[in-house]
Amino acid sequence: MYFAALLARTEDGWEASDTELDDVETLADLAELAREASPEDDTVLVLIEQEDAWFGVVRIDGEDDPRIYVSDAAAAARSSYGEILLTDELLGREPGDDGADLDSLDLDGTEDGEPASDDDEDDDGSAEAITHSPLGDGEILDDLGVGPKELRALDADDALNAIAEALGASEVLETVR
């Protein structure tokens, strides 16, 4: 099960809205959706979670490029919403590489939520292409009260609630859950 919400910072505090990602195909689409939630170019956070598997945070500050954090890159890569966040830049690939399509990547071969074993390797014997580790900007929420260590320590099943609580937005997030 997925949950996605927008948290827009306003002069009156945080405003939350449930968001539908069915029509979002790219990070640019997601950024546009987030910018529409804040006509004043204030900070907007897109919070996405797949229950017990991974969570992601996208931060949009005005017209700046989106900043992204994903808690488990390999789990997110197996998710249609996660694929939106895992850009070539975030994965350290050159745009247009043969492996630029996530479907063509040799991931770890596990099902969603199944832990990878240490001996998972791709056909040529090298380590998996995307690991089960955090990826992106660990300092994405640092100025809002959630430092990199705290962000990495969050469990996927309660991360969004913990983030909202640290921001003082738990009540408004709960209204859209």
C-alpha atoms as a PDB file:
ATOM      1  CA  MET A   1       0.000   0.000   0.000  1.00  0.00           C
ATOM      2  CA  TYR A   2       1.241   3.455  -0.879  1.00  0.00           C
ATOM      3  CA  PHE A   3       0.639   6.803   0.726  1.00  0.00           C
ATOM      4  CA  ALA A   4       1.653  10.161  -0.692  1.00  0.00           C
ATOM      5  CA  ALA A   5       1.073  13.618   0.719  1.00  0.00           C
ATOM      6  CA  LEU A   6       2.215  17.175   0.156  1.00  0.00           C
ATOM      7  CA  LEU A   7       3.242  19.354   3.085  1.00  0.00           C
ATOM      8  CA  ALA A   8       3.411  23.013   2.116  1.00  0.00           C
ATOM      9  CA  ARG A   9       4.944  25.510   4.517  1.00  0.00           C
ATOM     10  CA  THR A  10       2.974  28.716   4.806  1.00  0.00           C
ATOM     11  CA  GLU A  11       3.227  31.721   7.088  1.00  0.00           C
ATOM     12  CA  ASP A  12       0.487  30.062   9.196  1.00  0.00           C
ATOM     13  CA  GLY A  13       2.365  26.751   9.505  1.00  0.00           C
ATOM     14  CA  TRP A  14       2.216  23.551   7.484  1.00  0.00           C
ATOM     15  CA  GLU A  15      -0.708  22.626   5.246  1.00  0.00           C
ATOM     16  CA  ALA A  16      -1.146  19.023   4.147  1.00  0.00           C
ATOM     17  CA  SER A  17      -2.926  17.574   1.174  1.00  0.00           C
ATOM     18  CA  ASP A  18      -3.348  14.015   0.046  1.00  0.00           C
ATOM     19  CA  THR A  19      -1.927  13.682  -3.419  1.00  0.00           C
ATOM     20  CA  GLU A  20      -2.623  11.289  -6.242  1.00  0.00           C
ATOM     21  CA  LEU A  21       0.473  10.233  -8.168  1.00  0.00           C
ATOM     22  CA  ASP A  22      -1.246   8.214 -10.918  1.00  0.00           C
ATOM     23  CA  ASP A  23      -0.669  10.962 -13.511  1.00  0.00           C
ATOM     24  CA  VAL A  24       2.894  11.707 -12.363  1.00  0.00           C
ATOM     25  CA  GLU A  25       5.469  10.079 -14.637  1.00  0.00           C
ATOM     26  CA  THR A  26       8.651  12.060 -13.986  1.00  0.00           C
ATOM     27  CA  LEU A  27      10.375  14.026 -11.260  1.00  0.00           C
ATOM     28  CA  ALA A  28       9.558  17.197 -13.231  1.00  0.00           C
ATOM     29  CA  ASP A  29       5.842  16.306 -13.076  1.00  0.00           C
ATOM     30  CA  LEU A  30       6.127  15.749  -9.339  1.00  0.00           C
ATOM     31  CA  ALA A  31       7.945  19.066  -8.843  1.00  0.00           C
ATOM     32  CA  GLU A  32       5.258  20.885 -10.842  1.00  0.00           C
ATOM     33  CA  LEU A  33       2.532  19.285  -8.712  1.00  0.00           C
ATOM     34  CA  ALA A  34       4.368  20.374  -5.551  1.00  0.00           C
ATOM     35  CA  ARG A  35       4.891  23.940  -6.782  1.00  0.00           C
ATOM     36  CA  GLU A  36       1.152  24.248  -7.461  1.00  0.00           C
ATOM     37  CA  ALA A  37       0.547  23.530  -3.760  1.00  0.00           C
ATOM     38  CA  SER A  38       2.483  26.654  -2.745  1.00  0.00           C
ATOM     39  CA  PRO A  39       1.664  29.799  -4.715  1.00  0.00           C
ATOM     40  CA  GLU A  40       4.149  31.782  -2.590  1.00  0.00           C
ATOM     41  CA  ASP A  41       7.156  29.614  -3.595  1.00  0.00           C
ATOM     42  CA  ASP A  42       7.500  28.375  -0.012  1.00  0.00           C
ATOM     43  CA  THR A  43       8.978  24.992   0.846  1.00  0.00           C
ATOM     44  CA  VAL A  44       6.911  21.977  -0.192  1.00  0.00           C
ATOM     45  CA  LEU A  45       7.685  18.427   0.885  1.00  0.00           C
ATOM     46  CA  VAL A  46       6.385  15.433  -1.006  1.00  0.00           C
ATOM     47  CA  LEU A  47       6.245  12.462   1.345  1.00  0.00           C
ATOM     48  CA  ILE A  48       5.858   9.001  -0.180  1.00  0.00           C
ATOM     49  CA  GLU A  49       5.855   5.638   1.540  1.00  0.00           C
ATOM     50  CA  GLN A  50       5.324   2.039   0.656  1.00  0.00           C
ATOM     51  CA  GLU A  51       4.273   0.360   3.860  1.00  0.00           C
ATOM     52  CA  ASP A  52       7.151  -1.439   5.591  1.00  0.00           C
ATOM     53  CA  ALA A  53       9.450  -1.211   2.525  1.00  0.00           C
ATOM     54  CA  TRP A  54      10.718   2.326   1.868  1.00  0.00           C
ATOM     55  CA  PHE A  55       9.927   6.017   2.119  1.00  0.00           C
ATOM     56  CA  GLY A  56      10.968   9.014   0.106  1.00  0.00           C
ATOM     57  CA  VAL A  57      11.077  12.765   0.632  1.00  0.00           C
ATOM     58  CA  VAL A  58      11.220  15.300  -2.175  1.00  0.00           C
ATOM     59  CA  ARG A  59      11.808  18.902  -1.207  1.00  0.00           C
ATOM     60  CA  ILE A  60      10.885  21.757  -3.511  1.00  0.00           C
ATOM     61  CA  ASP A  61      12.009  25.276  -2.560  1.00  0.00           C
ATOM     62  CA  GLY A  62      10.567  27.708  -5.093  1.00  0.00           C
ATOM     63  CA  GLU A  63      12.147  27.203  -8.499  1.00  0.00           C
ATOM     64  CA  ASP A  64      15.213  25.373  -7.142  1.00  0.00           C
ATOM     65  CA  ASP A  65      15.874  21.842  -8.364  1.00  0.00           C
ATOM     66  CA  PRO A  66      14.115  19.199  -6.280  1.00  0.00           C
ATOM     67  CA  ARG A  67      16.118  17.568  -3.511  1.00  0.00           C
ATOM     68  CA  ILE A  68      15.487  13.857  -2.978  1.00  0.00           C
ATOM     69  CA  TYR A  69      16.006  11.298  -0.228  1.00  0.00           C
ATOM     70  CA  VAL A  70      15.028   7.626  -0.537  1.00  0.00           C
ATOM     71  CA  SER A  71      15.371   5.287   2.460  1.00  0.00           C
ATOM     72  CA  ASP A  72      15.967   2.057   0.482  1.00  0.00           C
ATOM     73  CA  ALA A  73      17.025   2.492  -3.130  1.00  0.00           C
ATOM     74  CA  ALA A  74      16.575  -1.138  -4.216  1.00  0.00           C
ATOM     75  CA  ALA A  75      13.071  -1.386  -2.733  1.00  0.00           C
ATOM     76  CA  ALA A  76      12.117   1.940  -4.322  1.00  0.00           C
ATOM     77  CA  ALA A  77      13.462   0.790  -7.701  1.00  0.00           C
ATOM     78  CA  ARG A  78      10.877  -2.000  -7.716  1.00  0.00           C
ATOM     79  CA  SER A  79       8.089   0.533  -7.202  1.00  0.00           C
ATOM     80  CA  SER A  80       6.480   2.669  -9.882  1.00  0.00           C
ATOM     81  CA  TYR A  81       6.503   5.673  -7.528  1.00  0.00           C
ATOM     82  CA  GLY A  82      10.058   4.975  -6.468  1.00  0.00           C
ATOM     83  CA  GLU A  83      11.173   4.958 -10.100  1.00  0.00           C
ATOM     84  CA  ILE A  84      10.054   8.598 -10.324  1.00  0.00           C
ATOM     85  CA  LEU A  85      12.520   9.551  -7.572  1.00  0.00           C
ATOM     86  CA  LEU A  86      15.484   7.467  -8.749  1.00  0.00           C
ATOM     87  CA  THR A  87      16.818   9.782 -11.415  1.00  0.00           C
ATOM     88  CA  ASP A  88      19.984   9.160 -13.426  1.00  0.00           C
ATOM     89  CA  GLU A  89      21.754  11.854 -11.399  1.00  0.00           C
ATOM     90  CA  LEU A  90      20.714  10.310  -8.082  1.00  0.00           C
ATOM     91  CA  LEU A  91      21.880   6.874  -9.254  1.00  0.00           C
ATOM     92  CA  GLY A  92      25.180   8.278 -10.534  1.00  0.00           C
ATOM     93  CA  ARG A  93      24.499   7.410 -14.168  1.00  0.00           C
ATOM     94  CA  GLU A  94      24.947   9.480 -17.275  1.00  0.00           C
ATOM     95  CA  PRO A  95      21.607  10.294 -18.943  1.00  0.00           C
ATOM     96  CA  GLY A  96      21.122   8.057 -21.951  1.00  0.00           C
ATOM     97  CA  ASP A  97      23.226   5.177 -20.597  1.00  0.00           C
ATOM     98  CA  ASP A  98      22.077   1.767 -21.801  1.00  0.00           C
ATOM     99  CA  GLY A  99      21.094   1.036 -18.197  1.00  0.00           C
ATOM    100  CA  ALA A 100      19.116   4.255 -17.774  1.00  0.00           C
ATOM    101  CA  ASP A 101      15.819   2.326 -17.774  1.00  0.00           C
ATOM    102  CA  LEU A 102      15.315   0.835 -14.307  1.00  0.00           C
ATOM    103  CA  ASP A 103      13.558  -2.159 -15.859  1.00  0.00           C
ATOM    104  CA  SER A 104      16.800  -3.091 -17.608  1.00  0.00           C
ATOM    105  CA  LEU A 105      18.872  -2.935 -14.404  1.00  0.00           C
ATOM    106  CA  ASP A 106      19.824  -6.223 -12.809  1.00  0.00           C
ATOM    107  CA  LEU A 107      18.546  -5.518  -9.324  1.00  0.00           C
ATOM    108  CA  ASP A 108      18.980  -7.890  -6.422  1.00  0.00           C
ATOM    109  CA  GLY A 109      16.235 -10.301  -7.496  1.00  0.00           C
ATOM    110  CA  THR A 110      14.255 -10.206  -4.260  1.00  0.00           C
ATOM    111  CA  GLU A 111      10.576  -9.533  -3.967  1.00  0.00           C
ATOM    112  CA  ASP A 112       9.296  -6.368  -2.259  1.00  0.00           C
ATOM    113  CA  GLY A 113      10.118  -6.499   1.415  1.00  0.00           C
ATOM    114  CA  GLU A 114      12.261  -9.664   1.132  1.00  0.00           C
ATOM    115  CA  PRO A 115      15.782  -9.099   2.430  1.00  0.00           C
ATOM    116  CA  ALA A 116      18.636  -9.545  -0.008  1.00  0.00           C
ATOM    117  CA  SER A 117      21.216 -12.174   0.816  1.00  0.00           C
ATOM    118  CA  ASP A 118      24.927 -11.398   0.821  1.00  0.00           C
ATOM    119  CA  ASP A 119      25.538 -13.593  -2.200  1.00  0.00           C
ATOM    120  CA  ASP A 120      23.153 -11.721  -4.554  1.00  0.00           C
ATOM    121  CA  GLU A 121      25.168 -10.889  -7.642  1.00  0.00           C
ATOM    122  CA  ASP A 122      24.371 -10.077 -11.235  1.00  0.00           C
ATOM    123  CA  ASP A 123      25.359 -12.228 -14.207  1.00  0.00           C
ATOM    124  CA  ASP A 124      28.972 -11.050 -14.371  1.00  0.00           C
ATOM    125  CA  GLY A 125      29.584 -11.678 -10.661  1.00  0.00           C
ATOM    126  CA  SER A 126      29.626  -8.024  -9.614  1.00  0.00           C
ATOM    127  CA  ALA A 127      27.592  -6.651  -6.741  1.00  0.00           C
ATOM    128  CA  GLU A 128      24.006  -5.583  -7.325  1.00  0.00           C
ATOM    129  CA  ALA A 129      23.388  -2.405  -9.312  1.00  0.00           C
ATOM    130  CA  ILE A 130      21.287  -0.704  -6.619  1.00  0.00           C
ATOM    131  CA  THR A 131      21.762  -1.467  -2.943  1.00  0.00           C
ATOM    132  CA  HIS A 132      19.316  -1.628  -0.047  1.00  0.00           C
ATOM    133  CA  SER A 133      20.670   1.571   1.436  1.00  0.00           C
ATOM    134  CA  PRO A 134      19.580   5.201   1.627  1.00  0.00           C
ATOM    135  CA  LEU A 135      20.207   7.335  -1.422  1.00  0.00           C
ATOM    136  CA  GLY A 136      20.066  11.065  -1.971  1.00  0.00           C
ATOM    137  CA  ASP A 137      20.369  14.173   0.141  1.00  0.00           C
ATOM    138  CA  GLY A 138      20.585  13.126   3.792  1.00  0.00           C
ATOM    139  CA  GLU A 139      20.502  16.793   4.836  1.00  0.00           C
ATOM    140  CA  ILE A 140      17.197  17.435   3.045  1.00  0.00           C
ATOM    141  CA  LEU A 141      15.373  18.172   6.333  1.00  0.00           C
ATOM    142  CA  ASP A 142      18.325  19.321   8.446  1.00  0.00           C
ATOM    143  CA  ASP A 143      17.197  22.959   8.665  1.00  0.00           C
ATOM    144  CA  LEU A 144      13.683  21.752   9.580  1.00  0.00           C
ATOM    145  CA  GLY A 145      14.809  19.726  12.605  1.00  0.00           C
ATOM    146  CA  VAL A 146      15.505  16.265  11.156  1.00  0.00           C
ATOM    147  CA  GLY A 147      19.236  15.718  10.763  1.00  0.00           C
ATOM    148  CA  PRO A 148      20.899  13.111   8.542  1.00  0.00           C
ATOM    149  CA  LYS A 149      21.413  10.614  11.394  1.00  0.00           C
ATOM    150  CA  GLU A 150      17.791  10.865  12.492  1.00  0.00           C
ATOM    151  CA  LEU A 151      16.571  10.519   8.902  1.00  0.00           C
ATOM    152  CA  ARG A 152      18.647   7.371   8.281  1.00  0.00           C
ATOM    153  CA  ALA A 153      17.448   5.863  11.567  1.00  0.00           C
ATOM    154  CA  LEU A 154      13.747   6.130  10.711  1.00  0.00           C
ATOM    155  CA  ASP A 155      11.796   2.918  10.080  1.00  0.00           C
ATOM    156  CA  ALA A 156       9.828   2.839   6.824  1.00  0.00           C
ATOM    157  CA  ASP A 157       6.598   1.955   8.636  1.00  0.00           C
ATOM    158  CA  ASP A 158       6.541   5.132  10.783  1.00  0.00           C
ATOM    159  CA  ALA A 159       8.932   7.546   9.036  1.00  0.00           C
ATOM    160  CA  LEU A 160       6.391  10.005   7.666  1.00  0.00           C
ATOM    161  CA  ASN A 161       4.702  10.369  11.042  1.00  0.00           C
ATOM    162  CA  ALA A 162       8.074  10.944  12.721  1.00  0.00           C
ATOM    163  CA  ILE A 163       9.046  13.543  10.122  1.00  0.00           C
ATOM    164  CA  ALA A 164       5.697  15.332  10.454  1.00  0.00           C
ATOM    165  CA  GLU A 165       6.011  15.325  14.240  1.00  0.00           C
ATOM    166  CA  ALA A 166       9.490  16.881  14.055  1.00  0.00           C
ATOM    167  CA  LEU A 167       8.109  19.568  11.726  1.00  0.00           C
ATOM    168  CA  GLY A 168       5.141  20.263  13.992  1.00  0.00           C
ATOM    169  CA  ALA A 169       2.816  19.025  11.247  1.00  0.00           C
ATOM    170  CA  SER A 170       1.635  15.672  12.597  1.00  0.00           C
ATOM    171  CA  GLU A 171      -1.971  16.820  13.068  1.00  0.00           C
ATOM    172  CA  VAL A 172      -2.291  18.186   9.531  1.00  0.00           C
ATOM    173  CA  LEU A 173      -0.687  15.060   8.053  1.00  0.00           C
ATOM    174  CA  GLU A 174      -3.036  12.853  10.030  1.00  0.00           C
ATOM    175  CA  THR A 175      -6.050  14.675   8.537  1.00  0.00           C
ATOM    176  CA  VAL A 176      -5.090  13.484   5.040  1.00  0.00           C
ATOM    177  CA  ARG A 177      -4.079   9.933   5.969  1.00  0.00           C
END
